[in-house]
N, C-alpha and C. Protein backbone atom coordinates (compact mmCIF):
# COMPACT_ATOMS: atom_id res chain seq x y z
N UNK A 1 -33.46 -8.88 -43.98
CA UNK A 1 -32.74 -7.75 -43.44
C UNK A 1 -33.20 -7.53 -42.01
N UNK A 2 -32.26 -7.39 -41.11
CA UNK A 2 -32.57 -7.17 -39.70
C UNK A 2 -32.78 -5.68 -39.45
N UNK A 3 -33.74 -5.38 -38.63
CA UNK A 3 -34.00 -3.99 -38.26
C UNK A 3 -33.21 -3.65 -37.01
N UNK A 4 -32.66 -2.48 -36.99
CA UNK A 4 -31.94 -2.03 -35.81
C UNK A 4 -32.94 -1.46 -34.82
N UNK A 5 -32.95 -2.01 -33.63
CA UNK A 5 -33.86 -1.54 -32.59
C UNK A 5 -33.00 -1.04 -31.44
N UNK A 6 -33.16 0.24 -31.08
CA UNK A 6 -32.35 0.74 -29.97
C UNK A 6 -32.74 0.03 -28.68
N UNK A 7 -31.76 -0.25 -27.83
CA UNK A 7 -32.07 -0.92 -26.56
C UNK A 7 -32.98 -0.04 -25.71
N UNK A 8 -33.89 -0.68 -25.02
CA UNK A 8 -34.77 0.08 -24.16
C UNK A 8 -34.10 0.27 -22.81
N UNK A 9 -34.21 1.46 -22.30
CA UNK A 9 -33.67 1.76 -20.98
C UNK A 9 -34.86 2.06 -20.09
N UNK A 10 -35.18 1.14 -19.19
CA UNK A 10 -36.36 1.35 -18.36
C UNK A 10 -36.21 2.54 -17.43
N UNK A 11 -37.24 3.32 -17.35
CA UNK A 11 -37.28 4.44 -16.41
C UNK A 11 -37.97 3.94 -15.16
N UNK A 12 -37.23 3.71 -14.12
CA UNK A 12 -37.78 3.13 -12.89
C UNK A 12 -38.72 4.08 -12.16
N UNK A 13 -38.70 5.38 -12.52
CA UNK A 13 -39.57 6.32 -11.84
C UNK A 13 -40.99 6.30 -12.41
N UNK A 14 -41.14 5.80 -13.63
CA UNK A 14 -42.46 5.71 -14.25
C UNK A 14 -42.70 4.26 -14.62
N UNK A 15 -43.42 3.51 -13.77
CA UNK A 15 -43.67 2.10 -14.06
C UNK A 15 -44.41 1.92 -15.37
N UNK A 16 -44.01 0.94 -16.12
CA UNK A 16 -44.65 0.63 -17.39
C UNK A 16 -46.08 0.19 -17.13
N UNK A 17 -47.07 0.89 -17.68
CA UNK A 17 -48.47 0.52 -17.40
C UNK A 17 -48.82 -0.89 -17.88
N UNK A 18 -48.17 -1.35 -18.95
CA UNK A 18 -48.47 -2.70 -19.42
C UNK A 18 -48.00 -3.75 -18.43
N UNK A 19 -46.94 -3.46 -17.71
CA UNK A 19 -46.44 -4.38 -16.68
C UNK A 19 -47.30 -4.28 -15.43
N UNK A 20 -47.55 -3.07 -15.00
CA UNK A 20 -48.30 -2.85 -13.76
C UNK A 20 -49.70 -3.45 -13.82
N UNK A 21 -50.42 -3.22 -14.89
CA UNK A 21 -51.79 -3.72 -14.98
C UNK A 21 -51.82 -5.24 -15.10
N UNK A 22 -50.87 -5.81 -15.84
CA UNK A 22 -50.82 -7.27 -15.98
C UNK A 22 -50.49 -7.93 -14.65
N UNK A 23 -49.56 -7.39 -13.91
CA UNK A 23 -49.18 -7.96 -12.62
C UNK A 23 -50.37 -7.95 -11.68
N UNK A 24 -51.11 -6.87 -11.64
CA UNK A 24 -52.27 -6.78 -10.74
C UNK A 24 -53.31 -7.84 -11.07
N UNK A 25 -53.66 -7.98 -12.34
CA UNK A 25 -54.68 -8.96 -12.72
C UNK A 25 -54.19 -10.40 -12.55
N UNK A 26 -52.96 -10.64 -12.94
CA UNK A 26 -52.45 -12.01 -12.86
C UNK A 26 -52.21 -12.46 -11.41
N UNK A 27 -51.89 -11.53 -10.54
CA UNK A 27 -51.73 -11.88 -9.12
C UNK A 27 -53.05 -12.36 -8.53
N UNK A 28 -54.15 -11.80 -9.00
CA UNK A 28 -55.47 -12.25 -8.54
C UNK A 28 -55.83 -13.59 -9.15
N UNK A 29 -55.42 -13.79 -10.40
CA UNK A 29 -55.75 -15.02 -11.11
C UNK A 29 -54.89 -16.20 -10.65
N UNK A 30 -53.66 -15.92 -10.24
CA UNK A 30 -52.73 -16.97 -9.83
C UNK A 30 -52.22 -16.70 -8.40
N UNK A 31 -53.11 -16.74 -7.40
CA UNK A 31 -52.68 -16.41 -6.04
C UNK A 31 -51.70 -17.44 -5.46
N UNK A 32 -51.68 -18.65 -6.05
CA UNK A 32 -50.78 -19.68 -5.55
C UNK A 32 -49.32 -19.41 -5.92
N UNK A 33 -49.11 -18.53 -6.86
CA UNK A 33 -47.75 -18.13 -7.24
C UNK A 33 -47.40 -16.87 -6.47
N UNK A 34 -46.17 -16.77 -6.07
CA UNK A 34 -45.75 -15.57 -5.36
C UNK A 34 -45.68 -14.36 -6.27
N UNK A 35 -45.81 -13.18 -5.70
CA UNK A 35 -45.75 -11.97 -6.51
C UNK A 35 -44.44 -11.80 -7.26
N UNK A 36 -43.34 -12.26 -6.67
CA UNK A 36 -42.05 -12.14 -7.35
C UNK A 36 -42.02 -12.93 -8.65
N UNK A 37 -42.61 -14.13 -8.62
CA UNK A 37 -42.66 -14.97 -9.82
C UNK A 37 -43.48 -14.31 -10.91
N UNK A 38 -44.60 -13.74 -10.53
CA UNK A 38 -45.48 -13.09 -11.50
C UNK A 38 -44.79 -11.87 -12.09
N UNK A 39 -44.17 -11.07 -11.27
CA UNK A 39 -43.47 -9.87 -11.77
C UNK A 39 -42.35 -10.28 -12.72
N UNK A 40 -41.61 -11.30 -12.38
CA UNK A 40 -40.51 -11.75 -13.24
C UNK A 40 -41.03 -12.20 -14.61
N UNK A 41 -42.09 -12.99 -14.61
CA UNK A 41 -42.65 -13.47 -15.88
C UNK A 41 -43.19 -12.30 -16.70
N UNK A 42 -43.92 -11.40 -16.07
CA UNK A 42 -44.50 -10.26 -16.80
C UNK A 42 -43.41 -9.36 -17.37
N UNK A 43 -42.39 -9.07 -16.58
CA UNK A 43 -41.30 -8.21 -17.09
C UNK A 43 -40.54 -8.87 -18.22
N UNK A 44 -40.35 -10.18 -18.13
CA UNK A 44 -39.67 -10.90 -19.20
C UNK A 44 -40.50 -10.84 -20.48
N UNK A 45 -41.80 -11.06 -20.35
CA UNK A 45 -42.68 -10.98 -21.51
C UNK A 45 -42.67 -9.58 -22.11
N UNK A 46 -42.68 -8.58 -21.27
CA UNK A 46 -42.66 -7.18 -21.75
C UNK A 46 -41.39 -6.92 -22.55
N UNK A 47 -40.28 -7.39 -22.05
CA UNK A 47 -39.01 -7.18 -22.76
C UNK A 47 -39.00 -7.90 -24.10
N UNK A 48 -39.54 -9.11 -24.12
CA UNK A 48 -39.58 -9.87 -25.37
C UNK A 48 -40.50 -9.23 -26.41
N UNK A 49 -41.48 -8.47 -25.96
CA UNK A 49 -42.44 -7.84 -26.87
C UNK A 49 -42.13 -6.37 -27.13
N UNK A 50 -40.93 -5.95 -26.84
CA UNK A 50 -40.60 -4.53 -26.93
C UNK A 50 -40.75 -3.93 -28.31
N UNK A 51 -40.73 -4.72 -29.37
CA UNK A 51 -40.90 -4.17 -30.71
C UNK A 51 -42.34 -4.11 -31.17
N UNK A 52 -43.26 -4.52 -30.31
CA UNK A 52 -44.68 -4.54 -30.66
C UNK A 52 -45.27 -3.13 -30.58
N UNK A 53 -46.40 -2.92 -31.25
CA UNK A 53 -47.05 -1.61 -31.19
C UNK A 53 -47.42 -1.25 -29.74
N UNK A 54 -47.16 -0.03 -29.36
CA UNK A 54 -47.38 0.44 -28.00
C UNK A 54 -48.81 0.23 -27.53
N UNK A 55 -49.76 0.50 -28.40
CA UNK A 55 -51.17 0.37 -28.02
C UNK A 55 -51.55 -1.08 -27.72
N UNK A 56 -50.86 -2.01 -28.32
CA UNK A 56 -51.18 -3.42 -28.13
C UNK A 56 -50.43 -4.06 -26.97
N UNK A 57 -49.44 -3.38 -26.43
CA UNK A 57 -48.58 -3.98 -25.40
C UNK A 57 -49.31 -4.49 -24.16
N UNK A 58 -50.21 -3.73 -23.57
CA UNK A 58 -50.84 -4.25 -22.36
C UNK A 58 -51.51 -5.61 -22.59
N UNK A 59 -52.26 -5.74 -23.66
CA UNK A 59 -52.94 -7.00 -23.93
C UNK A 59 -51.96 -8.11 -24.28
N UNK A 60 -50.99 -7.81 -25.11
CA UNK A 60 -50.01 -8.81 -25.52
C UNK A 60 -49.19 -9.32 -24.34
N UNK A 61 -48.74 -8.41 -23.51
CA UNK A 61 -47.94 -8.78 -22.34
C UNK A 61 -48.75 -9.68 -21.42
N UNK A 62 -49.99 -9.29 -21.15
CA UNK A 62 -50.80 -10.08 -20.24
C UNK A 62 -51.12 -11.46 -20.81
N UNK A 63 -51.42 -11.53 -22.09
CA UNK A 63 -51.72 -12.83 -22.70
C UNK A 63 -50.53 -13.78 -22.65
N UNK A 64 -49.37 -13.26 -23.03
CA UNK A 64 -48.16 -14.09 -23.03
C UNK A 64 -47.81 -14.53 -21.61
N UNK A 65 -47.88 -13.60 -20.66
CA UNK A 65 -47.56 -13.94 -19.28
C UNK A 65 -48.55 -14.96 -18.73
N UNK A 66 -49.82 -14.81 -19.03
CA UNK A 66 -50.84 -15.76 -18.55
C UNK A 66 -50.54 -17.16 -19.08
N UNK A 67 -50.20 -17.24 -20.35
CA UNK A 67 -49.90 -18.54 -20.94
C UNK A 67 -48.69 -19.18 -20.24
N UNK A 68 -47.69 -18.41 -19.99
CA UNK A 68 -46.48 -18.95 -19.34
C UNK A 68 -46.75 -19.36 -17.89
N UNK A 69 -47.58 -18.59 -17.22
CA UNK A 69 -47.91 -18.94 -15.83
C UNK A 69 -48.75 -20.22 -15.79
N UNK A 70 -49.64 -20.38 -16.75
CA UNK A 70 -50.44 -21.62 -16.81
C UNK A 70 -49.55 -22.83 -17.03
N UNK A 71 -48.55 -22.70 -17.89
CA UNK A 71 -47.62 -23.79 -18.15
C UNK A 71 -46.84 -24.10 -16.88
N UNK A 72 -46.48 -23.08 -16.15
CA UNK A 72 -45.75 -23.27 -14.89
C UNK A 72 -46.55 -24.11 -13.91
N UNK A 73 -47.85 -23.86 -13.86
CA UNK A 73 -48.71 -24.59 -12.93
C UNK A 73 -49.13 -25.95 -13.47
N UNK A 74 -49.05 -26.10 -14.80
CA UNK A 74 -49.53 -27.31 -15.47
C UNK A 74 -48.91 -28.55 -15.00
């Protein structure tokens, strides 16, 4: 049985802390990638993890984004 999940509507006035913190750390870890690439990967990961527990989102988003960025550089 599929669960109905309401679409998320991002509030651009309040940046998602899970995105903001991941972008800051990953930009330092992957300086060879441009900030736009990092933001795109992190936001995509955040959207894909939208059904995850809120408390776990910052760690999950950063882990998934880090893995994808490593593959990009691989």
